[in-house]
C-alpha atoms as a PDB file:
ATOM      1  CA  MET A   1      44.829 -21.489 -92.580  1.00  0.00           C
ATOM      2  CA  GLU A   2      43.851 -20.379 -96.007  1.00  0.00           C
ATOM      3  CA  GLY A   3      40.910 -22.242 -97.494  1.00  0.00           C
ATOM      4  CA  MET A   4      39.683 -23.607 -94.159  1.00  0.00           C
ATOM      5  CA  ALA A   5      36.071 -23.116 -93.161  1.00  0.00           C
ATOM      6  CA  PRO A   6      35.460 -20.872 -90.141  1.00  0.00           C
ATOM      7  CA  HIS A   7      35.079 -22.600 -86.765  1.00  0.00           C
ATOM      8  CA  PHE A   8      31.861 -22.087 -84.799  1.00  0.00           C
ATOM      9  CA  ASP A   9      31.394 -23.148 -81.188  1.00  0.00           C
ATOM     10  CA  HIS A  10      27.663 -23.773 -81.473  1.00  0.00           C
ATOM     11  CA  PRO A  11      26.033 -25.995 -84.111  1.00  0.00           C
ATOM     12  CA  GLY A  12      23.492 -23.216 -84.854  1.00  0.00           C
ATOM     13  CA  GLU A  13      26.209 -20.683 -85.629  1.00  0.00           C
ATOM     14  CA  GLN A  14      27.168 -20.007 -89.188  1.00  0.00           C
ATOM     15  CA  ALA A  15      28.773 -17.198 -91.087  1.00  0.00           C
ATOM     16  CA  ALA A  16      26.233 -14.429 -91.575  1.00  0.00           C
ATOM     17  CA  PRO A  17      25.733 -12.813 -94.952  1.00  0.00           C
ATOM     18  CA  ASP A  18      26.608  -9.117 -95.136  1.00  0.00           C
ATOM     19  CA  PRO A  19      25.608  -7.923 -91.668  1.00  0.00           C
ATOM     20  CA  ILE A  20      24.530  -4.563 -93.058  1.00  0.00           C
ATOM     21  CA  ARG A  21      20.863  -5.252 -93.668  1.00  0.00           C
ATOM     22  CA  LEU A  22      19.490  -1.724 -94.074  1.00  0.00           C
ATOM     23  CA  LEU A  23      21.411   1.500 -94.601  1.00  0.00           C
ATOM     24  CA  GLU A  24      19.515   4.426 -96.023  1.00  0.00           C
ATOM     25  CA  ILE A  25      18.774   8.126 -95.965  1.00  0.00           C
ATOM     26  CA  ARG A  26      15.177   8.829 -96.917  1.00  0.00           C
ATOM     27  CA  ASP A  27      12.593  11.588 -97.023  1.00  0.00           C
ATOM     28  CA  ALA A  28       9.761   9.309 -95.898  1.00  0.00           C
ATOM     29  CA  PRO A  29       8.763   8.543 -92.282  1.00  0.00           C
ATOM     30  CA  LEU A  30      10.899   5.967 -90.484  1.00  0.00           C
ATOM     31  CA  SER A  31       9.634   2.709 -88.988  1.00  0.00           C
ATOM     32  CA  ILE A  32      10.987   1.130 -85.813  1.00  0.00           C
ATOM     33  CA  ASP A  33       9.375  -2.174 -86.853  1.00  0.00           C
ATOM     34  CA  GLU A  34      11.142  -2.144 -90.224  1.00  0.00           C
ATOM     35  CA  VAL A  35      14.535  -1.564 -88.603  1.00  0.00           C
ATOM     36  CA  PHE A  36      13.933  -4.169 -85.890  1.00  0.00           C
ATOM     37  CA  ARG A  37      12.906  -6.762 -88.514  1.00  0.00           C
ATOM     38  CA  ALA A  38      16.017  -5.923 -90.554  1.00  0.00           C
ATOM     39  CA  VAL A  39      18.352  -6.925 -87.717  1.00  0.00           C
ATOM     40  CA  GLY A  40      16.524 -10.101 -86.736  1.00  0.00           C
ATOM     41  CA  ASP A  41      18.916 -13.033 -86.487  1.00  0.00           C
ATOM     42  CA  ASP A  42      18.344 -16.319 -84.643  1.00  0.00           C
ATOM     43  CA  ALA A  43      22.040 -16.520 -83.666  1.00  0.00           C
ATOM     44  CA  THR A  44      21.940 -13.297 -81.647  1.00  0.00           C
ATOM     45  CA  GLY A  45      21.352 -12.911 -77.951  1.00  0.00           C
ATOM     46  CA  GLY A  46      21.145  -9.121 -77.949  1.00  0.00           C
ATOM     47  CA  THR A  47      19.608  -6.488 -80.175  1.00  0.00           C
ATOM     48  CA  THR A  48      19.935  -2.812 -79.345  1.00  0.00           C
ATOM     49  CA  LEU A  49      17.991  -0.011 -81.011  1.00  0.00           C
ATOM     50  CA  PHE A  50      18.479   3.721 -80.704  1.00  0.00           C
ATOM     51  CA  VAL A  51      15.697   6.030 -81.866  1.00  0.00           C
ATOM     52  CA  GLY A  52      16.381   9.744 -82.237  1.00  0.00           C
ATOM     53  CA  THR A  53      13.324  11.995 -82.239  1.00  0.00           C
ATOM     54  CA  VAL A  54      12.774  15.685 -82.927  1.00  0.00           C
ATOM     55  CA  ARG A  55      12.499  17.489 -79.602  1.00  0.00           C
ATOM     56  CA  ASN A  56      10.634  20.724 -78.969  1.00  0.00           C
ATOM     57  CA  HIS A  57      13.635  22.626 -77.626  1.00  0.00           C
ATOM     58  CA  ASP A  58      17.374  23.035 -78.055  1.00  0.00           C
ATOM     59  CA  GLY A  59      19.835  25.188 -76.173  1.00  0.00           C
ATOM     60  CA  GLY A  60      17.109  26.681 -73.995  1.00  0.00           C
ATOM     61  CA  ALA A  61      14.959  27.850 -76.918  1.00  0.00           C
ATOM     62  CA  ASP A  62      11.682  26.442 -78.272  1.00  0.00           C
ATOM     63  CA  VAL A  63      12.014  24.770 -81.675  1.00  0.00           C
ATOM     64  CA  ASP A  64       9.296  25.773 -84.172  1.00  0.00           C
ATOM     65  CA  SER A  65      10.497  23.808 -87.182  1.00  0.00           C
ATOM     66  CA  LEU A  66      13.312  21.563 -88.230  1.00  0.00           C
ATOM     67  CA  GLY A  67      14.664  20.201 -91.469  1.00  0.00           C
ATOM     68  CA  TYR A  68      17.462  17.787 -92.336  1.00  0.00           C
ATOM     69  CA  SER A  69      19.566  17.809 -95.472  1.00  0.00           C
ATOM     70  CA  CYS A  70      22.582  15.769 -96.493  1.00  0.00           C
ATOM     71  CA  HIS A  71      25.531  15.709 -98.842  1.00  0.00           C
ATOM     72  CA  PRO A  72      25.320  13.232-101.759  1.00  0.00           C
ATOM     73  CA  THR A  73      28.100  11.179-100.123  1.00  0.00           C
ATOM     74  CA  ALA A  74      26.146  10.683 -96.871  1.00  0.00           C
ATOM     75  CA  GLU A  75      25.069   7.071 -97.518  1.00  0.00           C
ATOM     76  CA  ALA A  76      28.627   6.111 -98.494  1.00  0.00           C
ATOM     77  CA  GLU A  77      29.853   7.667 -95.254  1.00  0.00           C
ATOM     78  CA  MET A  78      27.184   5.738 -93.333  1.00  0.00           C
ATOM     79  CA  ARG A  79      28.537   2.552 -94.933  1.00  0.00           C
ATOM     80  CA  ARG A  80      32.077   3.466 -93.863  1.00  0.00           C
ATOM     81  CA  VAL A  81      30.902   4.014 -90.261  1.00  0.00           C
ATOM     82  CA  ALA A  82      28.931   0.743 -90.297  1.00  0.00           C
ATOM     83  CA  ASP A  83      31.929  -1.171 -91.653  1.00  0.00           C
ATOM     84  CA  ARG A  84      34.076   0.160 -88.801  1.00  0.00           C
ATOM     85  CA  VAL A  85      31.510  -0.986 -86.220  1.00  0.00           C
ATOM     86  CA  ILE A  86      31.446  -4.441 -87.817  1.00  0.00           C
ATOM     87  CA  GLU A  87      35.248  -4.632 -87.710  1.00  0.00           C
ATOM     88  CA  LYS A  88      35.300  -3.833 -83.985  1.00  0.00           C
ATOM     89  CA  TYR A  89      32.339  -5.885 -82.698  1.00  0.00           C
ATOM     90  CA  PRO A  90      30.876  -9.334 -83.531  1.00  0.00           C
ATOM     91  CA  VAL A  91      27.900  -7.822 -85.357  1.00  0.00           C
ATOM     92  CA  ARG A  92      25.460 -10.289 -86.898  1.00  0.00           C
ATOM     93  CA  ALA A  93      23.093  -7.626 -88.258  1.00  0.00           C
ATOM     94  CA  LEU A  94      23.134  -3.831 -88.463  1.00  0.00           C
ATOM     95  CA  ALA A  95      20.681  -1.232 -89.725  1.00  0.00           C
ATOM     96  CA  ALA A  96      20.676   2.564 -89.858  1.00  0.00           C
ATOM     97  CA  VAL A  97      18.158   4.936 -91.410  1.00  0.00           C
ATOM     98  CA  HIS A  98      18.137   8.720 -91.230  1.00  0.00           C
ATOM     99  CA  ARG A  99      15.393  11.060 -92.322  1.00  0.00           C
ATOM    100  CA  VAL A 100      15.843  14.184 -94.448  1.00  0.00           C
ATOM    101  CA  GLY A 101      13.341  16.901 -95.257  1.00  0.00           C
ATOM    102  CA  ASP A 102      10.988  18.811 -92.988  1.00  0.00           C
ATOM    103  CA  LEU A 103      10.142  17.084 -89.701  1.00  0.00           C
ATOM    104  CA  ALA A 104       7.742  17.927 -86.891  1.00  0.00           C
ATOM    105  CA  VAL A 105       8.336  17.718 -83.166  1.00  0.00           C
ATOM    106  CA  GLY A 106       8.051  14.051 -82.164  1.00  0.00           C
ATOM    107  CA  ASP A 107       8.977  12.685 -85.611  1.00  0.00           C
ATOM    108  CA  LEU A 108      11.610   9.954 -85.835  1.00  0.00           C
ATOM    109  CA  ALA A 109      14.827  11.445 -87.225  1.00  0.00           C
ATOM    110  CA  VAL A 110      17.191   8.466 -87.001  1.00  0.00           C
ATOM    111  CA  ILE A 111      17.015   4.790 -86.059  1.00  0.00           C
ATOM    112  CA  VAL A 112      20.031   2.534 -85.662  1.00  0.00           C
ATOM    113  CA  ALA A 113      20.035  -1.091 -84.547  1.00  0.00           C
ATOM    114  CA  VAL A 114      22.654  -3.765 -83.975  1.00  0.00           C
ATOM    115  CA  SER A 115      22.341  -7.482 -83.204  1.00  0.00           C
ATOM    116  CA  CYS A 116      25.261  -9.328 -81.629  1.00  0.00           C
ATOM    117  CA  PRO A 117      25.732 -12.649 -79.863  1.00  0.00           C
ATOM    118  CA  HIS A 118      25.543 -10.934 -76.443  1.00  0.00           C
ATOM    119  CA  ARG A 119      23.847  -7.810 -75.038  1.00  0.00           C
ATOM    120  CA  GLY A 120      27.016  -6.010 -73.927  1.00  0.00           C
ATOM    121  CA  GLU A 121      28.457  -6.121 -77.426  1.00  0.00           C
ATOM    122  CA  ALA A 122      25.135  -5.008 -78.886  1.00  0.00           C
ATOM    123  CA  PHE A 123      24.980  -1.966 -76.580  1.00  0.00           C
ATOM    124  CA  GLU A 124      28.576  -0.966 -77.307  1.00  0.00           C
ATOM    125  CA  ALA A 125      28.243  -1.440 -81.066  1.00  0.00           C
ATOM    126  CA  CYS A 126      24.975   0.506 -81.204  1.00  0.00           C
ATOM    127  CA  ARG A 127      26.530   3.357 -79.201  1.00  0.00           C
ATOM    128  CA  MET A 128      29.499   3.512 -81.563  1.00  0.00           C
ATOM    129  CA  LEU A 129      27.198   3.414 -84.589  1.00  0.00           C
ATOM    130  CA  ILE A 130      25.014   6.353 -83.541  1.00  0.00           C
ATOM    131  CA  ASP A 131      27.885   8.418 -82.137  1.00  0.00           C
ATOM    132  CA  ASP A 132      30.048   8.026 -85.234  1.00  0.00           C
ATOM    133  CA  LEU A 133      27.085   8.540 -87.564  1.00  0.00           C
ATOM    134  CA  LYS A 134      26.229  11.836 -85.832  1.00  0.00           C
ATOM    135  CA  HIS A 135      29.849  13.052 -85.866  1.00  0.00           C
ATOM    136  CA  GLU A 136      31.005  11.898 -89.294  1.00  0.00           C
ATOM    137  CA  VAL A 137      28.135  11.576 -91.746  1.00  0.00           C
ATOM    138  CA  PRO A 138      27.398  14.842 -93.613  1.00  0.00           C
ATOM    139  CA  ILE A 139      23.810  15.349 -92.475  1.00  0.00           C
ATOM    140  CA  TRP A 140      22.785  18.829 -91.361  1.00  0.00           C
ATOM    141  CA  LYS A 141      19.901  19.987 -89.212  1.00  0.00           C
ATOM    142  CA  HIS A 142      18.323  23.412 -89.757  1.00  0.00           C
ATOM    143  CA  GLN A 143      16.356  24.604 -86.730  1.00  0.00           C
ATOM    144  CA  THR A 144      14.042  27.603 -86.530  1.00  0.00           C
ATOM    145  CA  PHE A 145      13.242  28.792 -83.022  1.00  0.00           C
ATOM    146  CA  SER A 146      10.130  30.510 -81.672  1.00  0.00           C
ATOM    147  CA  ASN A 147      12.145  33.708 -81.123  1.00  0.00           C
ATOM    148  CA  GLY A 148      12.801  33.908 -84.886  1.00  0.00           C
ATOM    149  CA  THR A 149      16.450  32.826 -84.817  1.00  0.00           C
ATOM    150  CA  GLU A 150      17.809  29.966 -86.912  1.00  0.00           C
ATOM    151  CA  GLU A 151      20.670  27.533 -86.492  1.00  0.00           C
ATOM    152  CA  TRP A 152      22.450  24.928 -88.610  1.00  0.00           C
ATOM    153  CA  VAL A 153      23.819  21.875 -86.801  1.00  0.00           C
ATOM    154  CA  GLY A 154      25.699  19.071 -88.479  1.00  0.00           C
ATOM    155  CA  ALA A 155      28.481  16.591 -88.797  1.00  0.00           C
ATOM    156  CA  CYS A 156      31.968  17.825 -87.990  1.00  0.00           C
END
């Protein structure tokens, strides 16, 4: 009914503020600790993090260098993806950060994290978040290979 307070099954449960705690594209190094702290919530039973790193190969070729760039609408698109995840799963807290600029092999390129009441929901929501982010957010990767060839990879 309109105007009624939400019902919670456990006395410790309460409506969370905006579950999107951190959503950013940045040219500075990423921190797993920062993202993990951002999704901390005492009402959650499961927190899932995905960390994407720069690997030293792609498609059978050695990667020499890599850079990420994005469209000015990328953060707004990240928000749209995050909102969809929150609509589908009981997300208490969500964070996503993606790096742009020149990165070295081993650098953190993207970190996403989701906290939900239970682990299964957290895994599913985190999977949806990273998959949709990679397919829909206009972020492009420029790779240079040891054989001198180059390749652009990006959102569809």
